[in-house]
Amino acid sequence: MTDHDPAHNPRGGISQELGPYVDVTEGEGIDRTAERLRAERPYPRAAFRAELRSHLTELGRSRPAWRPRHLPRLVAAYVGSGVALLAVAAIGLSGAGPLGF
């Protein structure tokens, strides 16, 4: 397994995460169960893993990244609306807008 596996934690096992919620004997039982589950975990067959790897690799190669049809027009619309909102805010802060007192 990897170093990130909480059941294989050299500092105290998975029960360390449960700290104040379980007593020591219960924690040891949890650690034994976690170790047993980790040791008996079935792994997919090599043929399945190879097929899955090739399928995922092919998917990554064949699919172009999605882009909007008219990206420059969309960017211009967002920038324009942002500028318009900033202008409305500036007018409101100067007191010249409909909410100016």
Protein backbone atom coordinates (compact mmCIF):
# COMPACT_ATOMS: atom_id res chain seq x y z
CA MET A 1 0.00 0.00 0.00
CA THR A 2 0.94 3.64 -0.07
CA ASP A 3 2.29 5.80 2.73
CA HIS A 4 -1.09 7.58 2.87
CA ASP A 5 -2.93 4.46 3.99
CA PRO A 6 -4.36 5.25 7.45
CA ALA A 7 -4.61 1.55 8.32
CA HIS A 8 -0.86 1.21 7.91
CA ASN A 9 0.15 4.15 10.08
CA PRO A 10 3.38 3.37 11.96
CA ARG A 11 2.52 5.91 14.67
CA GLY A 12 -0.43 3.98 16.03
CA GLY A 13 -2.77 2.71 13.34
CA ILE A 14 -6.18 3.92 12.35
CA SER A 15 -7.35 4.07 15.97
CA GLN A 16 -5.08 7.06 16.52
CA GLU A 17 -7.54 9.13 14.51
CA LEU A 18 -10.31 8.08 16.90
CA GLY A 19 -8.18 9.18 19.87
CA PRO A 20 -10.44 10.30 22.70
CA TYR A 21 -13.53 8.49 21.38
CA VAL A 22 -12.35 4.90 21.94
CA ASP A 23 -10.43 3.22 24.75
CA VAL A 24 -7.09 1.45 24.25
CA THR A 25 -8.40 -2.11 23.94
CA GLU A 26 -11.09 -1.09 21.48
CA GLY A 27 -8.47 0.84 19.50
CA GLU A 28 -6.23 -2.23 19.31
CA GLY A 29 -9.16 -4.24 17.97
CA ILE A 30 -9.83 -1.59 15.36
CA ASP A 31 -6.17 -1.64 14.35
CA ARG A 32 -6.17 -5.44 14.00
CA THR A 33 -9.33 -5.31 11.87
CA ALA A 34 -7.89 -2.56 9.69
CA GLU A 35 -4.66 -4.50 9.19
CA ARG A 36 -6.58 -7.66 8.30
CA LEU A 37 -8.76 -5.80 5.79
CA ARG A 38 -5.68 -4.22 4.23
CA ALA A 39 -3.86 -7.55 3.98
CA GLU A 40 -6.84 -9.42 2.49
CA ARG A 41 -7.89 -6.71 0.05
CA PRO A 42 -8.42 -8.23 -3.40
CA TYR A 43 -6.71 -6.59 -6.35
CA PRO A 44 -8.12 -6.58 -9.87
CA ARG A 45 -6.60 -9.05 -12.31
CA ALA A 46 -3.62 -7.84 -14.32
CA ALA A 47 -5.57 -8.17 -17.57
CA PHE A 48 -8.33 -5.91 -16.26
CA ARG A 49 -5.84 -3.32 -15.01
CA ALA A 50 -4.02 -3.30 -18.37
CA GLU A 51 -7.29 -2.93 -20.29
CA LEU A 52 -8.46 -0.13 -18.00
CA ARG A 53 -5.12 1.67 -18.31
CA SER A 54 -5.17 1.49 -22.11
CA HIS A 55 -8.81 2.62 -22.23
CA LEU A 56 -8.16 5.63 -19.99
CA THR A 57 -5.01 6.53 -21.92
CA GLU A 58 -6.92 6.39 -25.20
CA LEU A 59 -9.71 8.55 -23.79
CA GLY A 60 -7.16 11.15 -22.72
CA ARG A 61 -5.63 11.28 -26.18
CA SER A 62 -8.71 11.24 -28.37
CA ARG A 63 -10.84 13.87 -26.66
CA PRO A 64 -10.11 17.48 -27.46
CA ALA A 65 -10.64 19.94 -24.66
CA TRP A 66 -14.08 21.55 -24.66
CA ARG A 67 -14.21 25.21 -25.64
CA PRO A 68 -17.15 27.54 -26.21
CA ARG A 69 -17.92 28.21 -29.87
CA HIS A 70 -17.32 31.93 -29.75
CA LEU A 71 -14.76 32.33 -27.00
CA PRO A 72 -13.52 35.84 -27.95
CA ARG A 73 -17.10 37.11 -28.10
CA LEU A 74 -17.88 35.55 -24.71
CA VAL A 75 -14.78 37.08 -23.12
CA ALA A 76 -15.67 40.49 -24.58
CA ALA A 77 -19.21 40.21 -23.16
CA TYR A 78 -17.90 39.39 -19.68
CA VAL A 79 -15.35 42.20 -19.76
CA GLY A 80 -17.94 44.66 -21.06
CA SER A 81 -20.48 43.78 -18.39
CA GLY A 82 -17.79 44.00 -15.70
CA VAL A 83 -16.76 47.46 -16.89
CA ALA A 84 -20.42 48.54 -16.97
CA LEU A 85 -20.95 47.33 -13.40
CA LEU A 86 -17.82 49.13 -12.23
CA ALA A 87 -19.07 52.31 -13.92
CA VAL A 88 -22.45 52.03 -12.18
CA ALA A 89 -20.68 51.50 -8.84
CA ALA A 90 -18.43 54.53 -9.45
CA ILE A 91 -21.42 56.69 -10.31
CA GLY A 92 -23.21 55.51 -7.17
CA LEU A 93 -20.18 56.26 -4.98
CA SER A 94 -19.84 59.74 -6.41
CA GLY A 95 -23.40 60.54 -5.36
CA ALA A 96 -24.60 61.29 -8.88
CA GLY A 97 -26.65 58.11 -9.32
CA PRO A 98 -30.26 57.39 -8.39
CA LEU A 99 -29.26 56.46 -4.84
CA GLY A 100 -27.07 59.51 -4.23
CA PHE A 101 -28.14 61.52 -1.20
